[in-house]
Every structure is written in C-alpha cells, then in structure tokens.
Amino acid sequence: MKSVVPFLRLVRLPNIFTVLSNIWTGSFIATDGMPEFSGVVFASVAGVTLYAGGVALNDYCDRTADGLLLLVGAERPTGSPCGQLTSSYGGSIG
C-alpha cells in the first residue's frame, strides 16, 4: 500500500475529480441533459489520463528546479528532498 500513495500524490488524485465534474457538466449542458453515456465515459477516461500524465510530466520537467526550491520540491513525490519516486518514474508516467 505504501507504493500506491506516492503515485496518487504524483497524479494529484484530489484534482482528478474536477476533471470529471467539468466533463460531465459540459456534456449535460451541450446535449440539453441527454448525453450519450459511452461518449461521456470515453471523455472521462481520456481526460483523467491526460490530466494525470500532464502533472506527472510537469513534475519530471521541474525536477531540477525542485532541488533548488526546497519548499516546493519537498511536496512533490519526485522532488529531491522528498524522493519517494524516482524522476524517471515520473517521466514514464507522463
């Protein structure tokens, strides 16, 4: 279970729910309340995947700067002070 927590921090799990709420709300507005379920599910999976990969890739690209900024880097799983995940793991997720 300990190996899952850094991954969930890397992909910013609490923020993923905003992606889902935006997709579902937009689909209801665009279709006057009658969205096609399979399309919304596909868009949800795609949106969550893109978001999670994007924040992981952002951490990977900022890894050298995080080593200089101790306050920011300490909160990121791939940051130098924290180091719960390797930077190559963050890059592979992104």
N, C-alpha and C. Protein backbone atom coordinates (compact mmCIF):
# COMPACT_ATOMS: atom_id res chain seq x y z
N MET A 1 0.82 -1.20 0.00
CA MET A 1 0.00 0.00 0.00
C MET A 1 0.86 1.26 0.00
N LYS A 2 2.06 1.18 0.59
CA LYS A 2 2.92 2.35 0.64
C LYS A 2 3.36 2.80 -0.75
N SER A 3 3.45 1.88 -1.70
CA SER A 3 3.90 2.27 -3.03
C SER A 3 2.80 2.98 -3.82
N VAL A 4 1.56 2.85 -3.41
CA VAL A 4 0.45 3.48 -4.11
C VAL A 4 0.32 4.96 -3.74
N VAL A 5 0.60 5.30 -2.51
CA VAL A 5 0.42 6.67 -2.03
C VAL A 5 1.29 7.67 -2.80
N PRO A 6 2.58 7.42 -3.02
CA PRO A 6 3.36 8.39 -3.81
C PRO A 6 2.84 8.53 -5.24
N PHE A 7 2.37 7.46 -5.83
CA PHE A 7 1.80 7.54 -7.17
C PHE A 7 0.56 8.42 -7.18
N LEU A 8 -0.31 8.26 -6.18
CA LEU A 8 -1.52 9.07 -6.09
C LEU A 8 -1.18 10.54 -5.85
N ARG A 9 -0.12 10.80 -5.10
CA ARG A 9 0.34 12.18 -4.92
C ARG A 9 0.91 12.72 -6.22
N LEU A 10 1.59 11.88 -6.99
CA LEU A 10 2.18 12.31 -8.25
C LEU A 10 1.12 12.75 -9.24
N VAL A 11 0.03 12.01 -9.34
CA VAL A 11 -1.02 12.34 -10.31
C VAL A 11 -2.08 13.28 -9.73
N ARG A 12 -1.88 13.77 -8.51
CA ARG A 12 -2.77 14.72 -7.86
C ARG A 12 -4.22 14.21 -7.82
N LEU A 13 -4.41 13.10 -7.15
CA LEU A 13 -5.72 12.43 -7.10
C LEU A 13 -6.89 13.36 -6.75
N PRO A 14 -6.78 14.23 -5.74
CA PRO A 14 -7.94 15.08 -5.43
C PRO A 14 -8.36 15.99 -6.60
N ASN A 15 -7.41 16.39 -7.43
CA ASN A 15 -7.74 17.28 -8.55
C ASN A 15 -8.41 16.56 -9.71
N ILE A 16 -8.28 15.25 -9.76
CA ILE A 16 -8.88 14.48 -10.85
C ILE A 16 -10.41 14.61 -10.84
N PHE A 17 -10.98 14.78 -9.66
CA PHE A 17 -12.43 14.91 -9.58
C PHE A 17 -12.93 16.18 -10.26
N THR A 18 -12.11 17.22 -10.31
CA THR A 18 -12.52 18.43 -11.03
C THR A 18 -12.56 18.16 -12.54
N VAL A 19 -11.67 17.32 -13.02
CA VAL A 19 -11.69 16.95 -14.44
C VAL A 19 -13.02 16.26 -14.76
N LEU A 20 -13.38 15.31 -13.92
CA LEU A 20 -14.63 14.56 -14.15
C LEU A 20 -15.85 15.47 -14.06
N SER A 21 -15.87 16.36 -13.08
CA SER A 21 -17.03 17.25 -12.96
C SER A 21 -17.14 18.19 -14.15
N ASN A 22 -16.02 18.64 -14.67
CA ASN A 22 -16.06 19.52 -15.85
C ASN A 22 -16.58 18.77 -17.08
N ILE A 23 -16.13 17.55 -17.26
CA ILE A 23 -16.58 16.76 -18.42
C ILE A 23 -18.06 16.45 -18.33
N TRP A 24 -18.50 15.99 -17.17
CA TRP A 24 -19.91 15.63 -17.02
C TRP A 24 -20.82 16.85 -17.13
N THR A 25 -20.42 17.95 -16.52
CA THR A 25 -21.23 19.17 -16.60
C THR A 25 -21.30 19.67 -18.04
N GLY A 26 -20.16 19.72 -18.70
CA GLY A 26 -20.13 20.16 -20.09
C GLY A 26 -20.96 19.29 -21.01
N SER A 27 -20.93 17.99 -20.77
CA SER A 27 -21.72 17.09 -21.62
C SER A 27 -23.22 17.27 -21.40
N PHE A 28 -23.63 17.53 -20.17
CA PHE A 28 -25.05 17.78 -19.91
C PHE A 28 -25.50 19.11 -20.51
N ILE A 29 -24.65 20.11 -20.43
CA ILE A 29 -25.01 21.42 -21.00
C ILE A 29 -25.07 21.34 -22.52
N ALA A 30 -24.09 20.66 -23.12
CA ALA A 30 -24.01 20.60 -24.59
C ALA A 30 -25.13 19.78 -25.21
N THR A 31 -25.68 18.84 -24.46
CA THR A 31 -26.70 17.95 -25.04
C THR A 31 -28.09 18.18 -24.44
N ASP A 32 -28.29 19.29 -23.78
CA ASP A 32 -29.57 19.60 -23.13
C ASP A 32 -30.01 18.50 -22.16
N GLY A 33 -29.05 17.96 -21.43
CA GLY A 33 -29.35 16.99 -20.39
C GLY A 33 -29.46 15.55 -20.83
N MET A 34 -29.15 15.25 -22.07
CA MET A 34 -29.26 13.88 -22.58
C MET A 34 -27.95 13.42 -23.24
N PRO A 35 -26.85 13.35 -22.48
CA PRO A 35 -25.59 12.95 -23.11
C PRO A 35 -25.56 11.45 -23.41
N GLU A 36 -24.78 11.09 -24.40
CA GLU A 36 -24.58 9.67 -24.70
C GLU A 36 -23.58 9.12 -23.69
N PHE A 37 -24.01 8.11 -22.94
CA PHE A 37 -23.22 7.60 -21.83
C PHE A 37 -21.83 7.14 -22.27
N SER A 38 -21.75 6.40 -23.36
CA SER A 38 -20.44 5.87 -23.78
C SER A 38 -19.49 6.99 -24.15
N GLY A 39 -20.00 8.07 -24.74
CA GLY A 39 -19.15 9.20 -25.08
C GLY A 39 -18.63 9.92 -23.86
N VAL A 40 -19.48 10.05 -22.84
CA VAL A 40 -19.06 10.72 -21.61
C VAL A 40 -18.04 9.87 -20.86
N VAL A 41 -18.23 8.57 -20.85
CA VAL A 41 -17.27 7.68 -20.19
C VAL A 41 -15.93 7.74 -20.91
N PHE A 42 -15.95 7.70 -22.24
CA PHE A 42 -14.71 7.79 -23.01
C PHE A 42 -14.00 9.12 -22.74
N ALA A 43 -14.75 10.21 -22.75
CA ALA A 43 -14.16 11.52 -22.48
C ALA A 43 -13.62 11.60 -21.05
N SER A 44 -14.29 10.95 -20.11
CA SER A 44 -13.83 10.94 -18.72
C SER A 44 -12.52 10.20 -18.58
N VAL A 45 -12.44 9.03 -19.18
CA VAL A 45 -11.19 8.25 -19.11
C VAL A 45 -10.06 9.00 -19.80
N ALA A 46 -10.35 9.57 -20.97
CA ALA A 46 -9.33 10.32 -21.69
C ALA A 46 -8.89 11.55 -20.90
N GLY A 47 -9.83 12.27 -20.32
CA GLY A 47 -9.50 13.47 -19.56
C GLY A 47 -8.67 13.17 -18.33
N VAL A 48 -9.04 12.13 -17.59
CA VAL A 48 -8.28 11.75 -16.39
C VAL A 48 -6.87 11.30 -16.77
N THR A 49 -6.76 10.52 -17.84
CA THR A 49 -5.45 10.04 -18.28
C THR A 49 -4.57 11.20 -18.72
N LEU A 50 -5.12 12.12 -19.49
CA LEU A 50 -4.34 13.27 -19.94
C LEU A 50 -3.93 14.16 -18.77
N TYR A 51 -4.83 14.37 -17.83
CA TYR A 51 -4.50 15.21 -16.67
C TYR A 51 -3.40 14.57 -15.83
N ALA A 52 -3.58 13.28 -15.50
CA ALA A 52 -2.60 12.60 -14.66
C ALA A 52 -1.23 12.55 -15.33
N GLY A 53 -1.22 12.26 -16.63
CA GLY A 53 0.05 12.25 -17.35
C GLY A 53 0.68 13.63 -17.42
N GLY A 54 -0.15 14.64 -17.56
CA GLY A 54 0.36 16.01 -17.64
C GLY A 54 1.02 16.48 -16.35
N VAL A 55 0.40 16.20 -15.21
CA VAL A 55 1.01 16.65 -13.96
C VAL A 55 2.26 15.83 -13.63
N ALA A 56 2.27 14.55 -14.02
CA ALA A 56 3.48 13.74 -13.81
C ALA A 56 4.62 14.25 -14.69
N LEU A 57 4.31 14.59 -15.93
CA LEU A 57 5.31 15.13 -16.83
C LEU A 57 5.80 16.49 -16.35
N ASN A 58 4.91 17.30 -15.78
CA ASN A 58 5.31 18.59 -15.23
C ASN A 58 6.30 18.39 -14.08
N ASP A 59 6.03 17.45 -13.19
CA ASP A 59 6.97 17.17 -12.11
C ASP A 59 8.31 16.69 -12.65
N TYR A 60 8.27 15.88 -13.70
CA TYR A 60 9.51 15.40 -14.31
C TYR A 60 10.32 16.56 -14.88
N CYS A 61 9.65 17.46 -15.58
CA CYS A 61 10.36 18.60 -16.19
C CYS A 61 10.87 19.58 -15.15
N ASP A 62 10.22 19.67 -14.00
CA ASP A 62 10.62 20.60 -12.95
C ASP A 62 11.56 19.97 -11.93
N ARG A 63 12.04 18.77 -12.16
CA ARG A 63 12.81 18.07 -11.14
C ARG A 63 14.10 18.79 -10.76
N THR A 64 14.76 19.44 -11.70
CA THR A 64 16.00 20.15 -11.34
C THR A 64 15.69 21.42 -10.56
N ALA A 65 14.63 22.11 -10.93
CA ALA A 65 14.24 23.32 -10.19
C ALA A 65 13.76 22.97 -8.79
N ASP A 66 13.12 21.82 -8.63
CA ASP A 66 12.63 21.42 -7.31
C ASP A 66 13.78 21.19 -6.34
N GLY A 67 14.92 20.77 -6.85
CA GLY A 67 16.07 20.59 -5.98
C GLY A 67 16.57 21.91 -5.41
N LEU A 68 16.34 23.00 -6.14
CA LEU A 68 16.76 24.33 -5.68
C LEU A 68 15.71 24.97 -4.78
N LEU A 69 14.45 24.66 -5.01
CA LEU A 69 13.36 25.22 -4.22
C LEU A 69 12.90 24.18 -3.20
N LEU A 70 13.47 24.23 -2.04
CA LEU A 70 13.21 23.18 -1.06
C LEU A 70 11.75 23.10 -0.64
N LEU A 71 11.04 24.20 -0.60
CA LEU A 71 9.64 24.16 -0.15
C LEU A 71 8.75 23.48 -1.17
N VAL A 72 8.93 23.77 -2.45
CA VAL A 72 8.10 23.15 -3.49
C VAL A 72 8.50 21.70 -3.68
N GLY A 73 9.78 21.45 -3.79
CA GLY A 73 10.27 20.10 -4.05
C GLY A 73 9.93 19.11 -2.95
N ALA A 74 9.81 19.60 -1.72
CA ALA A 74 9.50 18.71 -0.60
C ALA A 74 8.10 18.14 -0.70
N GLU A 75 7.20 18.83 -1.42
CA GLU A 75 5.83 18.36 -1.52
C GLU A 75 5.59 17.47 -2.73
N ARG A 76 6.53 17.41 -3.65
CA ARG A 76 6.36 16.60 -4.85
C ARG A 76 7.03 15.25 -4.66
N PRO A 77 6.36 14.18 -5.06
CA PRO A 77 6.92 12.83 -4.86
C PRO A 77 8.25 12.62 -5.58
N THR A 78 8.49 13.32 -6.70
CA THR A 78 9.76 13.15 -7.41
C THR A 78 10.77 14.23 -7.06
N GLY A 79 10.41 15.15 -6.16
CA GLY A 79 11.32 16.22 -5.77
C GLY A 79 12.52 15.69 -5.01
N SER A 80 13.61 16.41 -5.09
CA SER A 80 14.86 15.96 -4.48
C SER A 80 14.75 15.73 -2.97
N PRO A 81 14.18 16.65 -2.20
CA PRO A 81 14.11 16.40 -0.76
C PRO A 81 13.20 15.23 -0.40
N CYS A 82 12.10 15.09 -1.12
CA CYS A 82 11.13 14.04 -0.81
C CYS A 82 11.61 12.69 -1.32
N GLY A 83 11.82 12.60 -2.61
CA GLY A 83 12.40 11.42 -3.24
C GLY A 83 11.63 10.12 -3.07
N GLN A 84 10.29 10.16 -2.93
CA GLN A 84 9.53 8.92 -2.79
C GLN A 84 9.49 8.13 -4.10
N LEU A 85 9.58 8.83 -5.22
CA LEU A 85 9.60 8.20 -6.53
C LEU A 85 10.81 8.71 -7.29
N THR A 86 11.35 7.91 -8.15
CA THR A 86 12.46 8.37 -8.97
C THR A 86 11.94 9.31 -10.05
N SER A 87 12.79 10.19 -10.53
CA SER A 87 12.37 11.13 -11.56
C SER A 87 12.06 10.41 -12.87
N SER A 88 12.75 9.29 -13.14
CA SER A 88 12.45 8.54 -14.36
C SER A 88 11.06 7.90 -14.29
N TYR A 89 10.60 7.54 -13.09
CA TYR A 89 9.25 7.01 -12.94
C TYR A 89 8.23 8.08 -13.29
N GLY A 90 8.46 9.30 -12.81
CA GLY A 90 7.57 10.41 -13.14
C GLY A 90 7.56 10.69 -14.63
N GLY A 91 8.71 10.60 -15.26
CA GLY A 91 8.78 10.81 -16.70
C GLY A 91 8.08 9.72 -17.49
N SER A 92 8.15 8.50 -17.02
CA SER A 92 7.49 7.40 -17.73
C SER A 92 5.98 7.48 -17.59
N ILE A 93 5.47 7.97 -16.48
CA ILE A 93 4.03 8.13 -16.30
C ILE A 93 3.54 9.25 -17.22
N GLY A 94 4.32 10.33 -17.33
CA GLY A 94 3.94 11.47 -18.18
C GLY A 94 4.03 11.08 -19.62
